PDB file of all heavy atoms in Angstrom:
ATOM      1  N   ALA A   1       0.833  -1.202   0.000  1.00  0.00           N
ATOM      2  CA  ALA A   1       0.000   0.000   0.000  1.00  0.00           C
ATOM      3  C   ALA A   1       0.872   1.258   0.000  1.00  0.00           C
ATOM      4  O   ALA A   1       0.570   2.240  -0.694  1.00  0.00           O
ATOM      5  CB  ALA A   1      -0.918  -0.010   1.221  1.00  0.00           C
ATOM      6  N   THR A   2       1.970   1.219   0.750  1.00  0.00           N
ATOM      7  CA  THR A   2       2.883   2.363   0.787  1.00  0.00           C
ATOM      8  C   THR A   2       3.554   2.582  -0.566  1.00  0.00           C
ATOM      9  O   THR A   2       3.739   3.729  -1.001  1.00  0.00           O
ATOM     10  CB  THR A   2       3.947   2.149   1.881  1.00  0.00           C
ATOM     11  OG1 THR A   2       3.290   2.069   3.150  1.00  0.00           O
ATOM     12  CG2 THR A   2       4.962   3.280   1.901  1.00  0.00           C
ATOM     13  N   ALA A   3       3.916   1.495  -1.250  1.00  0.00           N
ATOM     14  CA  ALA A   3       4.508   1.613  -2.581  1.00  0.00           C
ATOM     15  C   ALA A   3       3.566   2.367  -3.523  1.00  0.00           C
ATOM     16  O   ALA A   3       4.000   3.246  -4.295  1.00  0.00           O
ATOM     17  CB  ALA A   3       4.829   0.229  -3.140  1.00  0.00           C
ATOM     18  N   LEU A   4       2.281   2.045  -3.442  1.00  0.00           N
ATOM     19  CA  LEU A   4       1.309   2.752  -4.284  1.00  0.00           C
ATOM     20  C   LEU A   4       1.161   4.200  -3.836  1.00  0.00           C
ATOM     21  O   LEU A   4       0.987   5.103  -4.666  1.00  0.00           O
ATOM     22  CB  LEU A   4      -0.040   2.025  -4.234  1.00  0.00           C
ATOM     23  CG  LEU A   4      -0.065   0.724  -5.051  1.00  0.00           C
ATOM     24  CD1 LEU A   4      -1.214  -0.172  -4.633  1.00  0.00           C
ATOM     25  CD2 LEU A   4      -0.139   1.027  -6.543  1.00  0.00           C
ATOM     26  N   GLY A   5       1.267   4.453  -2.524  1.00  0.00           N
ATOM     27  CA  GLY A   5       1.217   5.819  -2.028  1.00  0.00           C
ATOM     28  C   GLY A   5       2.368   6.656  -2.557  1.00  0.00           C
ATOM     29  O   GLY A   5       2.201   7.845  -2.870  1.00  0.00           O
ATOM     30  N   ILE A   6       3.542   6.057  -2.672  1.00  0.00           N
ATOM     31  CA  ILE A   6       4.700   6.755  -3.242  1.00  0.00           C
ATOM     32  C   ILE A   6       4.411   7.139  -4.695  1.00  0.00           C
ATOM     33  O   ILE A   6       4.732   8.251  -5.137  1.00  0.00           O
ATOM     34  CB  ILE A   6       5.952   5.862  -3.151  1.00  0.00           C
ATOM     35  CG1 ILE A   6       6.374   5.687  -1.682  1.00  0.00           C
ATOM     36  CG2 ILE A   6       7.103   6.444  -3.970  1.00  0.00           C
ATOM     37  CD1 ILE A   6       7.460   4.640  -1.467  1.00  0.00           C
ATOM     38  N   LEU A   7       3.788   6.228  -5.443  1.00  0.00           N
ATOM     39  CA  LEU A   7       3.451   6.519  -6.845  1.00  0.00           C
ATOM     40  C   LEU A   7       2.356   7.570  -6.953  1.00  0.00           C
ATOM     41  O   LEU A   7       2.337   8.373  -7.900  1.00  0.00           O
ATOM     42  CB  LEU A   7       3.029   5.219  -7.547  1.00  0.00           C
ATOM     43  CG  LEU A   7       4.148   4.170  -7.698  1.00  0.00           C
ATOM     44  CD1 LEU A   7       3.599   2.856  -8.212  1.00  0.00           C
ATOM     45  CD2 LEU A   7       5.252   4.694  -8.619  1.00  0.00           C
ATOM     46  N   VAL A   8       1.444   7.602  -5.970  1.00  0.00           N
ATOM     47  CA  VAL A   8       0.437   8.670  -5.924  1.00  0.00           C
ATOM     48  C   VAL A   8       1.132  10.008  -5.700  1.00  0.00           C
ATOM     49  O   VAL A   8       0.826  11.016  -6.374  1.00  0.00           O
ATOM     50  CB  VAL A   8      -0.602   8.407  -4.809  1.00  0.00           C
ATOM     51  CG1 VAL A   8      -1.478   9.651  -4.575  1.00  0.00           C
ATOM     52  CG2 VAL A   8      -1.488   7.216  -5.170  1.00  0.00           C
ATOM     53  N   ASP A   9       2.089  10.030  -4.767  1.00  0.00           N
ATOM     54  CA  ASP A   9       2.839  11.270  -4.502  1.00  0.00           C
ATOM     55  C   ASP A   9       3.531  11.785  -5.758  1.00  0.00           C
ATOM     56  O   ASP A   9       3.645  13.002  -5.967  1.00  0.00           O
ATOM     57  CB  ASP A   9       3.899  11.027  -3.420  1.00  0.00           C
ATOM     58  CG  ASP A   9       3.303  10.829  -2.039  1.00  0.00           C
ATOM     59  OD1 ASP A   9       2.137  11.219  -1.823  1.00  0.00           O
ATOM     60  OD2 ASP A   9       4.002  10.262  -1.172  1.00  0.00           O
ATOM     61  N   GLU A  10       3.981  10.857  -6.595  1.00  0.00           N
ATOM     62  CA  GLU A  10       4.700  11.242  -7.809  1.00  0.00           C
ATOM     63  C   GLU A  10       3.761  11.573  -8.970  1.00  0.00           C
ATOM     64  O   GLU A  10       4.222  11.890 -10.073  1.00  0.00           O
ATOM     65  CB  GLU A  10       5.642  10.111  -8.221  1.00  0.00           C
ATOM     66  CG  GLU A  10       6.767   9.890  -7.210  1.00  0.00           C
ATOM     67  CD  GLU A  10       7.656   8.702  -7.545  1.00  0.00           C
ATOM     68  OE1 GLU A  10       7.291   7.917  -8.453  1.00  0.00           O
ATOM     69  OE2 GLU A  10       8.715   8.550  -6.906  1.00  0.00           O
ATOM     70  N   GLY A  11       2.455  11.497  -8.723  1.00  0.00           N
ATOM     71  CA  GLY A  11       1.483  11.836  -9.760  1.00  0.00           C
ATOM     72  C   GLY A  11       1.334  10.789 -10.839  1.00  0.00           C
ATOM     73  O   GLY A  11       0.774  11.061 -11.915  1.00  0.00           O
ATOM     74  N   LYS A  12       1.790   9.574 -10.562  1.00  0.00           N
ATOM     75  CA  LYS A  12       1.735   8.522 -11.573  1.00  0.00           C
ATOM     76  C   LYS A  12       0.437   7.726 -11.539  1.00  0.00           C
ATOM     77  O   LYS A  12       0.153   6.965 -12.461  1.00  0.00           O
ATOM     78  CB  LYS A  12       2.932   7.583 -11.414  1.00  0.00           C
ATOM     79  CG  LYS A  12       4.263   8.281 -11.703  1.00  0.00           C
ATOM     80  CD  LYS A  12       5.449   7.370 -11.532  1.00  0.00           C
ATOM     81  CE  LYS A  12       6.756   8.094 -11.869  1.00  0.00           C
ATOM     82  NZ  LYS A  12       7.949   7.237 -11.641  1.00  0.00           N
ATOM     83  N   LEU A  13      -0.328   7.875 -10.472  1.00  0.00           N
ATOM     84  CA  LEU A  13      -1.648   7.250 -10.388  1.00  0.00           C
ATOM     85  C   LEU A  13      -2.428   7.911  -9.260  1.00  0.00           C
ATOM     86  O   LEU A  13      -1.890   8.716  -8.494  1.00  0.00           O
ATOM     87  CB  LEU A  13      -1.545   5.733 -10.163  1.00  0.00           C
ATOM     88  CG  LEU A  13      -0.673   5.169  -9.041  1.00  0.00           C
ATOM     89  CD1 LEU A  13      -1.329   5.303  -7.683  1.00  0.00           C
ATOM     90  CD2 LEU A  13      -0.368   3.697  -9.299  1.00  0.00           C
ATOM     91  N   ASN A  14      -3.708   7.585  -9.176  1.00  0.00           N
ATOM     92  CA  ASN A  14      -4.577   8.072  -8.101  1.00  0.00           C
ATOM     93  C   ASN A  14      -5.270   6.895  -7.435  1.00  0.00           C
ATOM     94  O   ASN A  14      -5.463   5.840  -8.055  1.00  0.00           O
ATOM     95  CB  ASN A  14      -5.627   9.046  -8.659  1.00  0.00           C
ATOM     96  CG  ASN A  14      -5.008  10.340  -9.141  1.00  0.00           C
ATOM     97  OD1 ASN A  14      -4.411  11.081  -8.361  1.00  0.00           O
ATOM     98  ND2 ASN A  14      -5.139  10.617 -10.439  1.00  0.00           N
ATOM     99  N   TRP A  15      -5.644   7.073  -6.172  1.00  0.00           N
ATOM    100  CA  TRP A  15      -6.265   5.988  -5.417  1.00  0.00           C
ATOM    101  C   TRP A  15      -7.528   5.467  -6.092  1.00  0.00           C
ATOM    102  O   TRP A  15      -7.830   4.274  -6.014  1.00  0.00           O
ATOM    103  CB  TRP A  15      -6.614   6.456  -4.006  1.00  0.00           C
ATOM    104  CG  TRP A  15      -5.447   6.842  -3.159  1.00  0.00           C
ATOM    105  CD1 TRP A  15      -5.177   8.087  -2.648  1.00  0.00           C
ATOM    106  CD2 TRP A  15      -4.376   5.993  -2.710  1.00  0.00           C
ATOM    107  NE1 TRP A  15      -4.010   8.066  -1.917  1.00  0.00           N
ATOM    108  CE2 TRP A  15      -3.495   6.793  -1.928  1.00  0.00           C
ATOM    109  CE3 TRP A  15      -4.082   4.637  -2.887  1.00  0.00           C
ATOM    110  CZ2 TRP A  15      -2.348   6.277  -1.330  1.00  0.00           C
ATOM    111  CZ3 TRP A  15      -2.930   4.129  -2.291  1.00  0.00           C
ATOM    112  CH2 TRP A  15      -2.078   4.936  -1.529  1.00  0.00           C
ATOM    113  N   ASN A  16      -8.277   6.353  -6.746  1.00  0.00           N
ATOM    114  CA  ASN A  16      -9.559   5.958  -7.333  1.00  0.00           C
ATOM    115  C   ASN A  16      -9.471   5.602  -8.812  1.00  0.00           C
ATOM    116  O   ASN A  16     -10.489   5.450  -9.485  1.00  0.00           O
ATOM    117  CB  ASN A  16     -10.604   7.058  -7.104  1.00  0.00           C
ATOM    118  CG  ASN A  16     -10.883   7.260  -5.623  1.00  0.00           C
ATOM    119  OD1 ASN A  16     -10.976   6.297  -4.858  1.00  0.00           O
ATOM    120  ND2 ASN A  16     -11.008   8.511  -5.200  1.00  0.00           N
ATOM    121  N   ASP A  17      -8.250   5.446  -9.314  1.00  0.00           N
ATOM    122  CA  ASP A  17      -8.082   4.986 -10.699  1.00  0.00           C
ATOM    123  C   ASP A  17      -8.591   3.557 -10.839  1.00  0.00           C
ATOM    124  O   ASP A  17      -8.491   2.736  -9.910  1.00  0.00           O
ATOM    125  CB  ASP A  17      -6.601   5.014 -11.095  1.00  0.00           C
ATOM    126  CG  ASP A  17      -6.096   6.427 -11.351  1.00  0.00           C
ATOM    127  OD1 ASP A  17      -6.918   7.356 -11.414  1.00  0.00           O
ATOM    128  OD2 ASP A  17      -4.860   6.588 -11.478  1.00  0.00           O
ATOM    129  N   LYS A  18      -9.108   3.247 -12.018  1.00  0.00           N
ATOM    130  CA  LYS A  18      -9.603   1.896 -12.301  1.00  0.00           C
ATOM    131  C   LYS A  18      -8.434   0.936 -12.541  1.00  0.00           C
ATOM    132  O   LYS A  18      -7.454   1.272 -13.197  1.00  0.00           O
ATOM    133  CB  LYS A  18     -10.500   1.918 -13.545  1.00  0.00           C
ATOM    134  CG  LYS A  18     -11.713   2.853 -13.436  1.00  0.00           C
ATOM    135  CD  LYS A  18     -12.743   2.334 -12.472  1.00  0.00           C
ATOM    136  CE  LYS A  18     -14.094   3.046 -12.602  1.00  0.00           C
ATOM    137  NZ  LYS A  18     -14.039   4.474 -12.276  1.00  0.00           N
ATOM    138  N   VAL A  19      -8.580  -0.261 -12.025  1.00  0.00           N
ATOM    139  CA  VAL A  19      -7.547  -1.288 -12.185  1.00  0.00           C
ATOM    140  C   VAL A  19      -7.305  -1.589 -13.657  1.00  0.00           C
ATOM    141  O   VAL A  19      -6.159  -1.729 -14.108  1.00  0.00           O
ATOM    142  CB  VAL A  19      -7.938  -2.572 -11.430  1.00  0.00           C
ATOM    143  CG1 VAL A  19      -6.953  -3.701 -11.721  1.00  0.00           C
ATOM    144  CG2 VAL A  19      -8.010  -2.304  -9.934  1.00  0.00           C
ATOM    145  N   VAL A  20      -8.399  -1.667 -14.449  1.00  0.00           N
ATOM    146  CA  VAL A  20      -8.270  -2.044 -15.862  1.00  0.00           C
ATOM    147  C   VAL A  20      -7.515  -0.992 -16.687  1.00  0.00           C
ATOM    148  O   VAL A  20      -7.057  -1.282 -17.787  1.00  0.00           O
ATOM    149  CB  VAL A  20      -9.652  -2.321 -16.507  1.00  0.00           C
ATOM    150  CG1 VAL A  20     -10.261  -3.602 -15.951  1.00  0.00           C
ATOM    151  CG2 VAL A  20     -10.591  -1.133 -16.306  1.00  0.00           C
ATOM    152  N   ASP A  21      -7.381   0.219 -16.139  1.00  0.00           N
ATOM    153  CA  ASP A  21      -6.597   1.231 -16.851  1.00  0.00           C
ATOM    154  C   ASP A  21      -5.110   0.888 -16.829  1.00  0.00           C
ATOM    155  O   ASP A  21      -4.343   1.369 -17.674  1.00  0.00           O
ATOM    156  CB  ASP A  21      -6.820   2.610 -16.222  1.00  0.00           C
ATOM    157  CG  ASP A  21      -8.221   3.142 -16.494  1.00  0.00           C
ATOM    158  OD1 ASP A  21      -8.867   2.628 -17.429  1.00  0.00           O
ATOM    159  OD2 ASP A  21      -8.673   4.053 -15.766  1.00  0.00           O
ATOM    160  N   TYR A  22      -4.688   0.076 -15.864  1.00  0.00           N
ATOM    161  CA  TYR A  22      -3.279  -0.313 -15.740  1.00  0.00           C
ATOM    162  C   TYR A  22      -3.048  -1.777 -16.118  1.00  0.00           C
ATOM    163  O   TYR A  22      -1.988  -2.116 -16.647  1.00  0.00           O
ATOM    164  CB  TYR A  22      -2.787  -0.055 -14.309  1.00  0.00           C
ATOM    165  CG  TYR A  22      -2.886   1.393 -13.925  1.00  0.00           C
ATOM    166  CD1 TYR A  22      -3.968   1.870 -13.190  1.00  0.00           C
ATOM    167  CD2 TYR A  22      -1.916   2.305 -14.329  1.00  0.00           C
ATOM    168  CE1 TYR A  22      -4.078   3.217 -12.850  1.00  0.00           C
ATOM    169  CE2 TYR A  22      -2.013   3.655 -13.998  1.00  0.00           C
ATOM    170  CZ  TYR A  22      -3.103   4.099 -13.266  1.00  0.00           C
ATOM    171  OH  TYR A  22      -3.209   5.439 -12.946  1.00  0.00           O
ATOM    172  N   LEU A  23      -4.041  -2.622 -15.842  1.00  0.00           N
ATOM    173  CA  LEU A  23      -3.969  -4.041 -16.203  1.00  0.00           C
ATOM    174  C   LEU A  23      -5.210  -4.368 -17.036  1.00  0.00           C
ATOM    175  O   LEU A  23      -6.211  -4.858 -16.503  1.00  0.00           O
ATOM    176  CB  LEU A  23      -3.930  -4.923 -14.937  1.00  0.00           C
ATOM    177  CG  LEU A  23      -2.814  -4.645 -13.916  1.00  0.00           C
ATOM    178  CD1 LEU A  23      -2.977  -5.555 -12.701  1.00  0.00           C
ATOM    179  CD2 LEU A  23      -1.436  -4.811 -14.539  1.00  0.00           C
ATOM    180  N   PRO A  24      -5.180  -4.081 -18.341  1.00  0.00           N
ATOM    181  CA  PRO A  24      -6.371  -4.257 -19.184  1.00  0.00           C
ATOM    182  C   PRO A  24      -6.907  -5.690 -19.193  1.00  0.00           C
ATOM    183  O   PRO A  24      -8.086  -5.897 -19.496  1.00  0.00           O
ATOM    184  CB  PRO A  24      -5.872  -3.847 -20.579  1.00  0.00           C
ATOM    185  CG  PRO A  24      -4.674  -3.007 -20.336  1.00  0.00           C
ATOM    186  CD  PRO A  24      -4.041  -3.548 -19.097  1.00  0.00           C
ATOM    187  N   TRP A  25      -6.066  -6.655 -18.866  1.00  0.00           N
ATOM    188  CA  TRP A  25      -6.476  -8.062 -18.875  1.00  0.00           C
ATOM    189  C   TRP A  25      -7.128  -8.491 -17.558  1.00  0.00           C
ATOM    190  O   TRP A  25      -7.599  -9.621 -17.438  1.00  0.00           O
ATOM    191  CB  TRP A  25      -5.261  -8.950 -19.146  1.00  0.00           C
ATOM    192  CG  TRP A  25      -4.064  -8.637 -18.303  1.00  0.00           C
ATOM    193  CD1 TRP A  25      -3.049  -7.777 -18.596  1.00  0.00           C
ATOM    194  CD2 TRP A  25      -3.755  -9.178 -17.003  1.00  0.00           C
ATOM    195  NE1 TRP A  25      -2.120  -7.745 -17.575  1.00  0.00           N
ATOM    196  CE2 TRP A  25      -2.530  -8.601 -16.581  1.00  0.00           C
ATOM    197  CE3 TRP A  25      -4.388 -10.103 -16.170  1.00  0.00           C
ATOM    198  CZ2 TRP A  25      -1.934  -8.908 -15.357  1.00  0.00           C
ATOM    199  CZ3 TRP A  25      -3.796 -10.402 -14.950  1.00  0.00           C
ATOM    200  CH2 TRP A  25      -2.591  -9.815 -14.548  1.00  0.00           C
ATOM    201  N   PHE A  26      -7.179  -7.613 -16.581  1.00  0.00           N
ATOM    202  CA  PHE A  26      -7.767  -7.938 -15.275  1.00  0.00           C
ATOM    203  C   PHE A  26      -9.256  -8.243 -15.420  1.00  0.00           C
ATOM    204  O   PHE A  26      -9.999  -7.502 -16.060  1.00  0.00           O
ATOM    205  CB  PHE A  26      -7.560  -6.765 -14.313  1.00  0.00           C
ATOM    206  CG  PHE A  26      -8.285  -6.897 -12.994  1.00  0.00           C
ATOM    207  CD1 PHE A  26      -7.812  -7.752 -12.017  1.00  0.00           C
ATOM    208  CD2 PHE A  26      -9.431  -6.154 -12.741  1.00  0.00           C
ATOM    209  CE1 PHE A  26      -8.468  -7.871 -10.799  1.00  0.00           C
ATOM    210  CE2 PHE A  26     -10.094  -6.255 -11.528  1.00  0.00           C
ATOM    211  CZ  PHE A  26      -9.607  -7.127 -10.553  1.00  0.00           C
ATOM    212  N   ARG A  27      -9.688  -9.360 -14.839  1.00  0.00           N
ATOM    213  CA  ARG A  27     -11.093  -9.758 -14.876  1.00  0.00           C
ATOM    214  C   ARG A  27     -11.520 -10.326 -13.530  1.00  0.00           C
ATOM    215  O   ARG A  27     -10.773 -11.050 -12.888  1.00  0.00           O
ATOM    216  CB  ARG A  27     -11.346 -10.833 -15.947  1.00  0.00           C
ATOM    217  CG  ARG A  27     -11.080 -10.423 -17.378  1.00  0.00           C
ATOM    218  CD  ARG A  27     -12.168  -9.489 -17.912  1.00  0.00           C
ATOM    219  NE  ARG A  27     -11.920  -9.150 -19.309  1.00  0.00           N
ATOM    220  CZ  ARG A  27     -11.116  -8.178 -19.720  1.00  0.00           C
ATOM    221  NH1 ARG A  27     -10.457  -7.455 -18.834  1.00  0.00           N
ATOM    222  NH2 ARG A  27     -10.948  -7.923 -21.003  1.00  0.00           N
ATOM    223  N   LEU A  28     -12.768 -10.003 -13.132  1.00  0.00           N
ATOM    224  CA  LEU A  28     -13.412 -10.684 -12.014  1.00  0.00           C
ATOM    225  C   LEU A  28     -14.721 -11.281 -12.524  1.00  0.00           C
ATOM    226  O   LEU A  28     -15.124 -11.069 -13.676  1.00  0.00           O
ATOM    227  CB  LEU A  28     -13.658  -9.725 -10.853  1.00  0.00           C
ATOM    228  CG  LEU A  28     -12.404  -9.346 -10.044  1.00  0.00           C
ATOM    229  CD1 LEU A  28     -12.749  -8.355  -8.947  1.00  0.00           C
ATOM    230  CD2 LEU A  28     -11.738 -10.580  -9.438  1.00  0.00           C
ATOM    231  N   TYR A  29     -15.378 -12.055 -11.689  1.00  0.00           N
ATOM    232  CA  TYR A  29     -16.557 -12.824 -12.108  1.00  0.00           C
ATOM    233  C   TYR A  29     -17.669 -11.918 -12.651  1.00  0.00           C
ATOM    234  O   TYR A  29     -18.323 -12.242 -13.636  1.00  0.00           O
ATOM    235  CB  TYR A  29     -17.075 -13.635 -10.917  1.00  0.00           C
ATOM    236  CG  TYR A  29     -18.031 -14.734 -11.276  1.00  0.00           C
ATOM    237  CD1 TYR A  29     -17.551 -15.960 -11.730  1.00  0.00           C
ATOM    238  CD2 TYR A  29     -19.402 -14.562 -11.161  1.00  0.00           C
ATOM    239  CE1 TYR A  29     -18.417 -16.984 -12.065  1.00  0.00           C
ATOM    240  CE2 TYR A  29     -20.281 -15.583 -11.487  1.00  0.00           C
ATOM    241  CZ  TYR A  29     -19.788 -16.792 -11.944  1.00  0.00           C
ATOM    242  OH  TYR A  29     -20.652 -17.799 -12.278  1.00  0.00           O
ATOM    243  N   ASP A  30     -17.842 -10.765 -12.028  1.00  0.00           N
ATOM    244  CA  ASP A  30     -18.887  -9.825 -12.425  1.00  0.00           C
ATOM    245  C   ASP A  30     -18.274  -8.742 -13.312  1.00  0.00           C
ATOM    246  O   ASP A  30     -17.356  -8.035 -12.889  1.00  0.00           O
ATOM    247  CB  ASP A  30     -19.495  -9.196 -11.162  1.00  0.00           C
ATOM    248  CG  ASP A  30     -20.684  -8.293 -11.456  1.00  0.00           C
ATOM    249  OD1 ASP A  30     -20.682  -7.611 -12.498  1.00  0.00           O
ATOM    250  OD2 ASP A  30     -21.624  -8.265 -10.632  1.00  0.00           O
ATOM    251  N   PRO A  31     -18.771  -8.575 -14.543  1.00  0.00           N
ATOM    252  CA  PRO A  31     -18.197  -7.567 -15.456  1.00  0.00           C
ATOM    253  C   PRO A  31     -18.258  -6.146 -14.897  1.00  0.00           C
ATOM    254  O   PRO A  31     -17.352  -5.344 -15.140  1.00  0.00           O
ATOM    255  CB  PRO A  31     -19.059  -7.695 -16.721  1.00  0.00           C
ATOM    256  CG  PRO A  31     -19.626  -9.080 -16.662  1.00  0.00           C
ATOM    257  CD  PRO A  31     -19.818  -9.382 -15.208  1.00  0.00           C
ATOM    258  N   TYR A  32     -19.309  -5.839 -14.138  1.00  0.00           N
ATOM    259  CA  TYR A  32     -19.422  -4.496 -13.555  1.00  0.00           C
ATOM    260  C   TYR A  32     -18.288  -4.266 -12.560  1.00  0.00           C
ATOM    261  O   TYR A  32     -17.655  -3.204 -12.556  1.00  0.00           O
ATOM    262  CB  TYR A  32     -20.773  -4.313 -12.856  1.00  0.00           C
ATOM    263  CG  TYR A  32     -20.889  -2.992 -12.129  1.00  0.00           C
ATOM    264  CD1 TYR A  32     -21.244  -1.838 -12.808  1.00  0.00           C
ATOM    265  CD2 TYR A  32     -20.596  -2.887 -10.773  1.00  0.00           C
ATOM    266  CE1 TYR A  32     -21.316  -0.605 -12.155  1.00  0.00           C
ATOM    267  CE2 TYR A  32     -20.663  -1.670 -10.104  1.00  0.00           C
ATOM    268  CZ  TYR A  32     -21.033  -0.535 -10.806  1.00  0.00           C
ATOM    269  OH  TYR A  32     -21.099   0.669 -10.154  1.00  0.00           O
ATOM    270  N   VAL A  33     -18.034  -5.269 -11.725  1.00  0.00           N
ATOM    271  CA  VAL A  33     -16.953  -5.136 -10.740  1.00  0.00           C
ATOM    272  C   VAL A  33     -15.610  -5.014 -11.447  1.00  0.00           C
ATOM    273  O   VAL A  33     -14.754  -4.215 -11.061  1.00  0.00           O
ATOM    274  CB  VAL A  33     -16.954  -6.331  -9.766  1.00  0.00           C
ATOM    275  CG1 VAL A  33     -15.819  -6.203  -8.755  1.00  0.00           C
ATOM    276  CG2 VAL A  33     -18.292  -6.433  -9.041  1.00  0.00           C
TER     277      VAL A  33
END
């Protein structure tokens, strides 16, 4: 979690960014989720 916080500090991502924006192949059972 801290590693991601460091990247947030550097402006490389935000806490509320979508996972699929970084890992387009990411899938869970429910398409909405």
